[in-house]
PDB file of N, CA and C in Angstrom:
ATOM      1  N   MET A   1       0.834  -1.167   0.000  1.00  0.00           N
ATOM      2  CA  MET A   1       0.000   0.000   0.000  1.00  0.00           C
ATOM      3  C   MET A   1       0.885   1.239   0.000  1.00  0.00           C
ATOM      4  N   THR A   2       0.459   2.215  -0.772  1.00  0.00           N
ATOM      5  CA  THR A   2       1.220   3.459  -0.830  1.00  0.00           C
ATOM      6  C   THR A   2       0.363   4.682  -0.525  1.00  0.00           C
ATOM      7  N   CYS A   3      -0.972   4.492  -0.418  1.00  0.00           N
ATOM      8  CA  CYS A   3      -1.846   5.624  -0.119  1.00  0.00           C
ATOM      9  C   CYS A   3      -3.147   5.134   0.511  1.00  0.00           C
ATOM     10  N   ILE A   4      -3.842   6.046   1.174  1.00  0.00           N
ATOM     11  CA  ILE A   4      -5.149   5.751   1.759  1.00  0.00           C
ATOM     12  C   ILE A   4      -6.068   6.943   1.536  1.00  0.00           C
ATOM     13  N   ASN A   5      -7.374   6.691   1.664  1.00  0.00           N
ATOM     14  CA  ASN A   5      -8.366   7.752   1.783  1.00  0.00           C
ATOM     15  C   ASN A   5      -9.051   7.546   3.115  1.00  0.00           C
ATOM     16  N   LYS A   6      -9.292   8.628   3.818  1.00  0.00           N
ATOM     17  CA  LYS A   6      -9.835   8.566   5.164  1.00  0.00           C
ATOM     18  C   LYS A   6     -10.895   9.626   5.317  1.00  0.00           C
ATOM     19  N   GLN A   7     -11.983   9.288   5.997  1.00  0.00           N
ATOM     20  CA  GLN A   7     -13.046  10.247   6.216  1.00  0.00           C
ATOM     21  C   GLN A   7     -13.532  10.144   7.646  1.00  0.00           C
ATOM     22  N   PRO A   8     -13.359  11.085   8.519  1.00  0.00           N
ATOM     23  CA  PRO A   8     -12.490  12.244   8.327  1.00  0.00           C
ATOM     24  C   PRO A   8     -11.022  11.845   8.431  1.00  0.00           C
ATOM     25  N   ARG A   9     -10.149  12.605   7.825  1.00  0.00           N
ATOM     26  CA  ARG A   9      -8.726  12.259   7.730  1.00  0.00           C
ATOM     27  C   ARG A   9      -8.080  12.079   9.095  1.00  0.00           C
ATOM     28  N   ASN A  10      -8.499  12.820  10.135  1.00  0.00           N
ATOM     29  CA  ASN A  10      -7.850  12.724  11.447  1.00  0.00           C
ATOM     30  C   ASN A  10      -8.486  11.682  12.356  1.00  0.00           C
ATOM     31  N   ASN A  11      -9.424  10.883  11.861  1.00  0.00           N
ATOM     32  CA  ASN A  11     -10.059   9.845  12.661  1.00  0.00           C
ATOM     33  C   ASN A  11      -9.115   8.641  12.772  1.00  0.00           C
ATOM     34  N   ALA A  12      -9.437   7.727  13.666  1.00  0.00           N
ATOM     35  CA  ALA A  12      -8.604   6.525  13.854  1.00  0.00           C
ATOM     36  C   ALA A  12      -8.745   5.577  12.661  1.00  0.00           C
ATOM     37  N   HIS A  13      -8.201   4.381  12.786  1.00  0.00           N
ATOM     38  CA  HIS A  13      -8.143   3.393  11.701  1.00  0.00           C
ATOM     39  C   HIS A  13      -9.498   3.119  11.059  1.00  0.00           C
ATOM     40  N   GLU A  14     -10.583   3.190  11.847  1.00  0.00           N
ATOM     41  CA  GLU A  14     -11.905   2.895  11.310  1.00  0.00           C
ATOM     42  C   GLU A  14     -12.298   3.872  10.209  1.00  0.00           C
ATOM     43  N   GLY A  15     -11.638   5.040  10.157  1.00  0.00           N
ATOM     44  CA  GLY A  15     -11.971   6.045   9.157  1.00  0.00           C
ATOM     45  C   GLY A  15     -11.395   5.776   7.782  1.00  0.00           C
ATOM     46  N   ILE A  16     -10.502   4.802   7.647  1.00  0.00           N
ATOM     47  CA  ILE A  16      -9.928   4.486   6.330  1.00  0.00           C
ATOM     48  C   ILE A  16     -11.028   3.919   5.446  1.00  0.00           C
ATOM     49  N   THR A  17     -11.258   4.556   4.290  1.00  0.00           N
ATOM     50  CA  THR A  17     -12.300   4.097   3.369  1.00  0.00           C
ATOM     51  C   THR A  17     -11.727   3.336   2.183  1.00  0.00           C
ATOM     52  N   HIS A  18     -10.535   3.734   1.720  1.00  0.00           N
ATOM     53  CA  HIS A  18      -9.899   3.106   0.557  1.00  0.00           C
ATOM     54  C   HIS A  18      -8.395   2.982   0.790  1.00  0.00           C
ATOM     55  N   LEU A  19      -7.806   1.973   0.162  1.00  0.00           N
ATOM     56  CA  LEU A  19      -6.364   1.761   0.202  1.00  0.00           C
ATOM     57  C   LEU A  19      -5.899   1.543  -1.225  1.00  0.00           C
ATOM     58  N   GLY A  20      -4.682   2.006  -1.532  1.00  0.00           N
ATOM     59  CA  GLY A  20      -4.237   1.865  -2.904  1.00  0.00           C
ATOM     60  C   GLY A  20      -2.737   1.741  -3.051  1.00  0.00           C
ATOM     61  N   ASN A  21      -2.342   1.470  -4.301  1.00  0.00           N
ATOM     62  CA  ASN A  21      -0.936   1.428  -4.681  1.00  0.00           C
ATOM     63  C   ASN A  21      -0.843   1.809  -6.156  1.00  0.00           C
ATOM     64  N   SER A  22       0.254   1.526  -6.789  1.00  0.00           N
ATOM     65  CA  SER A  22       0.447   1.944  -8.181  1.00  0.00           C
ATOM     66  C   SER A  22      -0.458   1.210  -9.160  1.00  0.00           C
ATOM     67  N   THR A  23      -1.068   0.104  -8.752  1.00  0.00           N
ATOM     68  CA  THR A  23      -1.914  -0.664  -9.674  1.00  0.00           C
ATOM     69  C   THR A  23      -3.401  -0.431  -9.475  1.00  0.00           C
ATOM     70  N   GLY A  24      -3.806   0.234  -8.397  1.00  0.00           N
ATOM     71  CA  GLY A  24      -5.230   0.465  -8.201  1.00  0.00           C
ATOM     72  C   GLY A  24      -5.559   0.972  -6.811  1.00  0.00           C
ATOM     73  N   LYS A  25      -6.870   1.134  -6.577  1.00  0.00           N
ATOM     74  CA  LYS A  25      -7.385   1.581  -5.285  1.00  0.00           C
ATOM     75  C   LYS A  25      -8.630   0.753  -4.980  1.00  0.00           C
ATOM     76  N   TRP A  26      -8.753   0.296  -3.737  1.00  0.00           N
ATOM     77  CA  TRP A  26      -9.829  -0.603  -3.351  1.00  0.00           C
ATOM     78  C   TRP A  26     -10.481  -0.125  -2.072  1.00  0.00           C
ATOM     79  N   THR A  27     -11.722  -0.549  -1.848  1.00  0.00           N
ATOM     80  CA  THR A  27     -12.405  -0.215  -0.603  1.00  0.00           C
ATOM     81  C   THR A  27     -11.767  -0.982   0.548  1.00  0.00           C
ATOM     82  N   ARG A  28     -11.889  -0.427   1.728  1.00  0.00           N
ATOM     83  CA  ARG A  28     -11.386  -1.114   2.924  1.00  0.00           C
ATOM     84  C   ARG A  28     -12.013  -2.491   3.042  1.00  0.00           C
ATOM     85  N   GLN A  29     -13.326  -2.604   2.786  1.00  0.00           N
ATOM     86  CA  GLN A  29     -14.003  -3.890   2.929  1.00  0.00           C
ATOM     87  C   GLN A  29     -13.468  -4.916   1.944  1.00  0.00           C
ATOM     88  N   SER A  30     -13.160  -4.508   0.718  1.00  0.00           N
ATOM     89  CA  SER A  30     -12.582  -5.451  -0.256  1.00  0.00           C
ATOM     90  C   SER A  30     -11.233  -5.957   0.229  1.00  0.00           C
ATOM     91  N   VAL A  31     -10.393  -5.058   0.734  1.00  0.00           N
ATOM     92  CA  VAL A  31      -9.077  -5.455   1.247  1.00  0.00           C
ATOM     93  C   VAL A  31      -9.245  -6.423   2.418  1.00  0.00           C
ATOM     94  N   ILE A  32     -10.171  -6.131   3.335  1.00  0.00           N
ATOM     95  CA  ILE A  32     -10.431  -7.029   4.471  1.00  0.00           C
ATOM     96  C   ILE A  32     -10.861  -8.404   3.960  1.00  0.00           C
ATOM     97  N   ASN A  33     -11.801  -8.432   3.018  1.00  0.00           N
ATOM     98  CA  ASN A  33     -12.294  -9.711   2.488  1.00  0.00           C
ATOM     99  C   ASN A  33     -11.171 -10.525   1.858  1.00  0.00           C
ATOM    100  N   TRP A  34     -10.320  -9.883   1.059  1.00  0.00           N
ATOM    101  CA  TRP A  34      -9.218 -10.593   0.397  1.00  0.00           C
ATOM    102  C   TRP A  34      -8.196 -11.118   1.399  1.00  0.00           C
ATOM    103  N   ILE A  35      -7.871 -10.323   2.421  1.00  0.00           N
ATOM    104  CA  ILE A  35      -6.911 -10.781   3.435  1.00  0.00           C
ATOM    105  C   ILE A  35      -7.483 -11.966   4.189  1.00  0.00           C
ATOM    106  N   GLU A  36      -8.741 -11.860   4.605  1.00  0.00           N
ATOM    107  CA  GLU A  36      -9.353 -12.953   5.378  1.00  0.00           C
ATOM    108  C   GLU A  36      -9.521 -14.220   4.545  1.00  0.00           C
ATOM    109  N   ALA A  37      -9.766 -14.073   3.249  1.00  0.00           N
ATOM    110  CA  ALA A  37      -9.911 -15.240   2.368  1.00  0.00           C
ATOM    111  C   ALA A  37      -8.560 -15.842   2.003  1.00  0.00           C
ATOM    112  N   GLY A  38      -7.490 -15.094   2.244  1.00  0.00           N
ATOM    113  CA  GLY A  38      -6.158 -15.580   1.899  1.00  0.00           C
ATOM    114  C   GLY A  38      -5.840 -15.471   0.413  1.00  0.00           C
ATOM    115  N   THR A  39      -6.613 -14.659  -0.327  1.00  0.00           N
ATOM    116  CA  THR A  39      -6.394 -14.555  -1.763  1.00  0.00           C
ATOM    117  C   THR A  39      -5.403 -13.457  -2.139  1.00  0.00           C
ATOM    118  N   HIS A  40      -5.218 -12.468  -1.259  1.00  0.00           N
ATOM    119  CA  HIS A  40      -4.276 -11.382  -1.509  1.00  0.00           C
ATOM    120  C   HIS A  40      -3.565 -11.025  -0.212  1.00  0.00           C
ATOM    121  N   THR A  41      -2.363 -10.498  -0.335  1.00  0.00           N
ATOM    122  CA  THR A  41      -1.657  -9.929   0.804  1.00  0.00           C
ATOM    123  C   THR A  41      -1.257  -8.502   0.438  1.00  0.00           C
ATOM    124  N   PHE A  42      -1.128  -7.666   1.446  1.00  0.00           N
ATOM    125  CA  PHE A  42      -0.773  -6.274   1.243  1.00  0.00           C
ATOM    126  C   PHE A  42       0.271  -5.881   2.277  1.00  0.00           C
ATOM    127  N   TYR A  43       1.072  -4.863   1.942  1.00  0.00           N
ATOM    128  CA  TYR A  43       2.092  -4.391   2.874  1.00  0.00           C
ATOM    129  C   TYR A  43       2.449  -2.951   2.553  1.00  0.00           C
ATOM    130  N   THR A  44       3.101  -2.306   3.516  1.00  0.00           N
ATOM    131  CA  THR A  44       3.707  -1.000   3.276  1.00  0.00           C
ATOM    132  C   THR A  44       5.213  -1.196   3.291  1.00  0.00           C
ATOM    133  N   LEU A  45       5.925  -0.309   2.617  1.00  0.00           N
ATOM    134  CA  LEU A  45       7.378  -0.340   2.617  1.00  0.00           C
ATOM    135  C   LEU A  45       7.849   1.094   2.805  1.00  0.00           C
ATOM    136  N   VAL A  46       8.306   1.399   4.018  1.00  0.00           N
ATOM    137  CA  VAL A  46       8.726   2.755   4.359  1.00  0.00           C
ATOM    138  C   VAL A  46      10.156   2.703   4.872  1.00  0.00           C
ATOM    139  N   ASN A  47      11.031   3.473   4.251  1.00  0.00           N
ATOM    140  CA  ASN A  47      12.454   3.507   4.640  1.00  0.00           C
ATOM    141  C   ASN A  47      13.060   2.110   4.691  1.00  0.00           C
ATOM    142  N   GLY A  48      12.686   1.266   3.727  1.00  0.00           N
ATOM    143  CA  GLY A  48      13.235  -0.077   3.644  1.00  0.00           C
ATOM    144  C   GLY A  48      12.646  -1.076   4.623  1.00  0.00           C
ATOM    145  N   LYS A  49      11.659  -0.667   5.432  1.00  0.00           N
ATOM    146  CA  LYS A  49      11.035  -1.576   6.404  1.00  0.00           C
ATOM    147  C   LYS A  49       9.658  -1.985   5.909  1.00  0.00           C
ATOM    148  N   ARG A  50       9.459  -3.285   5.810  1.00  0.00           N
ATOM    149  CA  ARG A  50       8.177  -3.836   5.370  1.00  0.00           C
ATOM    150  C   ARG A  50       7.273  -4.062   6.581  1.00  0.00           C
ATOM    151  N   ALA A  51       5.999  -3.695   6.410  1.00  0.00           N
ATOM    152  CA  ALA A  51       4.984  -3.972   7.429  1.00  0.00           C
ATOM    153  C   ALA A  51       3.772  -4.558   6.711  1.00  0.00           C
ATOM    154  N   ASP A  52       3.394  -5.776   7.084  1.00  0.00           N
ATOM    155  CA  ASP A  52       2.250  -6.438   6.464  1.00  0.00           C
ATOM    156  C   ASP A  52       0.946  -5.821   6.962  1.00  0.00           C
ATOM    157  N   VAL A  53      -0.061  -5.788   6.090  1.00  0.00           N
ATOM    158  CA  VAL A  53      -1.382  -5.273   6.453  1.00  0.00           C
ATOM    159  C   VAL A  53      -2.210  -6.445   6.963  1.00  0.00           C
ATOM    160  N   GLY A  54      -2.816  -6.270   8.140  1.00  0.00           N
ATOM    161  CA  GLY A  54      -3.653  -7.298   8.737  1.00  0.00           C
ATOM    162  C   GLY A  54      -5.012  -6.742   9.111  1.00  0.00           C
ATOM    163  N   VAL A  55      -5.926  -7.634   9.464  1.00  0.00           N
ATOM    164  CA  VAL A  55      -7.288  -7.266   9.851  1.00  0.00           C
ATOM    165  C   VAL A  55      -7.389  -7.333  11.373  1.00  0.00           C
ATOM    166  N   VAL A  56      -7.990  -6.283  11.960  1.00  0.00           N
ATOM    167  CA  VAL A  56      -8.143  -6.178  13.399  1.00  0.00           C
ATOM    168  C   VAL A  56      -9.611  -5.908  13.708  1.00  0.00           C
ATOM    169  N   GLN A  57     -10.126  -6.547  14.767  1.00  0.00           N
ATOM    170  CA  GLN A  57     -11.495  -6.272  15.212  1.00  0.00           C
ATOM    171  C   GLN A  57     -11.457  -5.082  16.159  1.00  0.00           C
ATOM    172  N   GLY A  58     -12.122  -3.993  15.804  1.00  0.00           N
ATOM    173  CA  GLY A  58     -12.171  -2.795  16.622  1.00  0.00           C
ATOM    174  C   GLY A  58     -13.536  -2.598  17.248  1.00  0.00           C
ATOM    175  N   GLU A  59     -13.690  -1.509  17.966  1.00  0.00           N
ATOM    176  CA  GLU A  59     -14.972  -1.194  18.614  1.00  0.00           C
ATOM    177  C   GLU A  59     -16.099  -1.065  17.611  1.00  0.00           C
ATOM    178  N   ASN A  60     -15.790  -0.531  16.428  1.00  0.00           N
ATOM    179  CA  ASN A  60     -16.817  -0.275  15.421  1.00  0.00           C
ATOM    180  C   ASN A  60     -16.761  -1.254  14.256  1.00  0.00           C
ATOM    181  N   GLY A  61     -16.159  -2.416  14.458  1.00  0.00           N
ATOM    182  CA  GLY A  61     -16.065  -3.411  13.397  1.00  0.00           C
ATOM    183  C   GLY A  61     -14.627  -3.651  12.980  1.00  0.00           C
ATOM    184  N   LYS A  62     -14.464  -4.387  11.906  1.00  0.00           N
ATOM    185  CA  LYS A  62     -13.125  -4.742  11.429  1.00  0.00           C
ATOM    186  C   LYS A  62     -12.482  -3.568  10.702  1.00  0.00           C
ATOM    187  N   HIS A  63     -11.177  -3.452  10.866  1.00  0.00           N
ATOM    188  CA  HIS A  63     -10.400  -2.466  10.133  1.00  0.00           C
ATOM    189  C   HIS A  63      -9.025  -3.042   9.842  1.00  0.00           C
ATOM    190  N   VAL A  64      -8.223  -2.316   9.089  1.00  0.00           N
ATOM    191  CA  VAL A  64      -6.895  -2.788   8.708  1.00  0.00           C
ATOM    192  C   VAL A  64      -5.825  -1.995   9.439  1.00  0.00           C
ATOM    193  N   ARG A  65      -4.753  -2.689   9.782  1.00  0.00           N
ATOM    194  CA  ARG A  65      -3.578  -2.071  10.404  1.00  0.00           C
ATOM    195  C   ARG A  65      -2.351  -2.810   9.907  1.00  0.00           C
ATOM    196  N   THR A  66      -1.225  -2.146   9.999  1.00  0.00           N
ATOM    197  CA  THR A  66       0.020  -2.817   9.617  1.00  0.00           C
ATOM    198  C   THR A  66       0.591  -3.556  10.810  1.00  0.00           C
ATOM    199  N   TYR A  67       1.361  -4.594  10.496  1.00  0.00           N
ATOM    200  CA  TYR A  67       1.927  -5.480  11.500  1.00  0.00           C
ATOM    201  C   TYR A  67       3.379  -5.742  11.138  1.00  0.00           C
ATOM    202  N   ALA A  68       4.281  -5.383  12.053  1.00  0.00           N
ATOM    203  CA  ALA A  68       5.708  -5.611  11.813  1.00  0.00           C
ATOM    204  C   ALA A  68       6.408  -5.864  13.135  1.00  0.00           C
ATOM    205  N   ASP A  69       7.394  -6.708  13.120  1.00  0.00           N
ATOM    206  CA  ASP A  69       8.190  -7.013  14.312  1.00  0.00           C
ATOM    207  C   ASP A  69       7.325  -7.463  15.481  1.00  0.00           C
ATOM    208  N   GLY A  70       6.241  -8.178  15.184  1.00  0.00           N
ATOM    209  CA  GLY A  70       5.395  -8.720  16.242  1.00  0.00           C
ATOM    210  C   GLY A  70       4.388  -7.747  16.829  1.00  0.00           C
ATOM    211  N   TYR A  71       4.248  -6.555  16.250  1.00  0.00           N
ATOM    212  CA  TYR A  71       3.339  -5.546  16.800  1.00  0.00           C
ATOM    213  C   TYR A  71       2.518  -4.891  15.704  1.00  0.00           C
ATOM    214  N   TYR A  72       1.262  -4.575  16.043  1.00  0.00           N
ATOM    215  CA  TYR A  72       0.453  -3.749  15.146  1.00  0.00           C
ATOM    216  C   TYR A  72       0.897  -2.313  15.329  1.00  0.00           C
ATOM    217  N   ASN A  73       0.915  -1.549  14.219  1.00  0.00           N
ATOM    218  CA  ASN A  73       1.359  -0.164  14.297  1.00  0.00           C
ATOM    219  C   ASN A  73       0.523   0.709  13.365  1.00  0.00           C
ATOM    220  N   ASP A  74       0.882   1.982  13.271  1.00  0.00           N
ATOM    221  CA  ASP A  74       0.074   2.966  12.557  1.00  0.00           C
ATOM    222  C   ASP A  74       0.645   3.364  11.204  1.00  0.00           C
ATOM    223  N   ASN A  75       1.405   2.510  10.538  1.00  0.00           N
ATOM    224  CA  ASN A  75       2.020   2.871   9.264  1.00  0.00           C
ATOM    225  C   ASN A  75       0.999   3.342   8.227  1.00  0.00           C
ATOM    226  N   LEU A  76      -0.177   2.754   8.188  1.00  0.00           N
ATOM    227  CA  LEU A  76      -1.174   3.142   7.184  1.00  0.00           C
ATOM    228  C   LEU A  76      -1.595   4.585   7.364  1.00  0.00           C
ATOM    229  N   LEU A  77      -1.713   5.030   8.621  1.00  0.00           N
ATOM    230  CA  LEU A  77      -2.165   6.396   8.881  1.00  0.00           C
ATOM    231  C   LEU A  77      -1.166   7.435   8.414  1.00  0.00           C
ATOM    232  N   ALA A  78       0.081   7.052   8.224  1.00  0.00           N
ATOM    233  CA  ALA A  78       1.114   7.984   7.778  1.00  0.00           C
ATOM    234  C   ALA A  78       1.174   8.117   6.256  1.00  0.00           C
ATOM    235  N   LEU A  79       0.441   7.270   5.532  1.00  0.00           N
ATOM    236  CA  LEU A  79       0.474   7.311   4.079  1.00  0.00           C
ATOM    237  C   LEU A  79      -0.287   8.530   3.556  1.00  0.00           C
ATOM    238  N   PRO A  80       0.106   9.026   2.375  1.00  0.00           N
ATOM    239  CA  PRO A  80      -0.600  10.168   1.781  1.00  0.00           C
ATOM    240  C   PRO A  80      -1.967   9.761   1.249  1.00  0.00           C
ATOM    241  N   GLU A  81      -2.771  10.765   0.918  1.00  0.00           N
ATOM    242  CA  GLU A  81      -4.084  10.540   0.309  1.00  0.00           C
ATOM    243  C   GLU A  81      -3.937   9.945  -1.081  1.00  0.00           C
ATOM    244  N   CYS A  82      -4.807   8.992  -1.414  1.00  0.00           N
ATOM    245  CA  CYS A  82      -4.867   8.456  -2.778  1.00  0.00           C
ATOM    246  C   CYS A  82      -5.579   9.477  -3.667  1.00  0.00           C
ATOM    247  N   PRO A  83      -5.169   9.544  -4.931  1.00  0.00           N
ATOM    248  CA  PRO A  83      -5.863  10.449  -5.856  1.00  0.00           C
ATOM    249  C   PRO A  83      -7.281   9.953  -6.148  1.00  0.00           C
TER     250      PRO A  83
END
């Protein structure tokens, strides 16, 4: 993943509506479905460090977060807006 869309932009992970990269942009729900089905994997690569995208159950339902070095982190929230 190289970009996200968030509504509102300053909200927590649940606010991510779309995720994208150089080949396309998808809804958060599509990304969740593909990860859970095992049909696709996604990751971020920042400063040479890879963080895999995983599905997390939150207060308001499932959302996506990055996972690296045994911990979930906020790498997705640092990505720029998708066009």
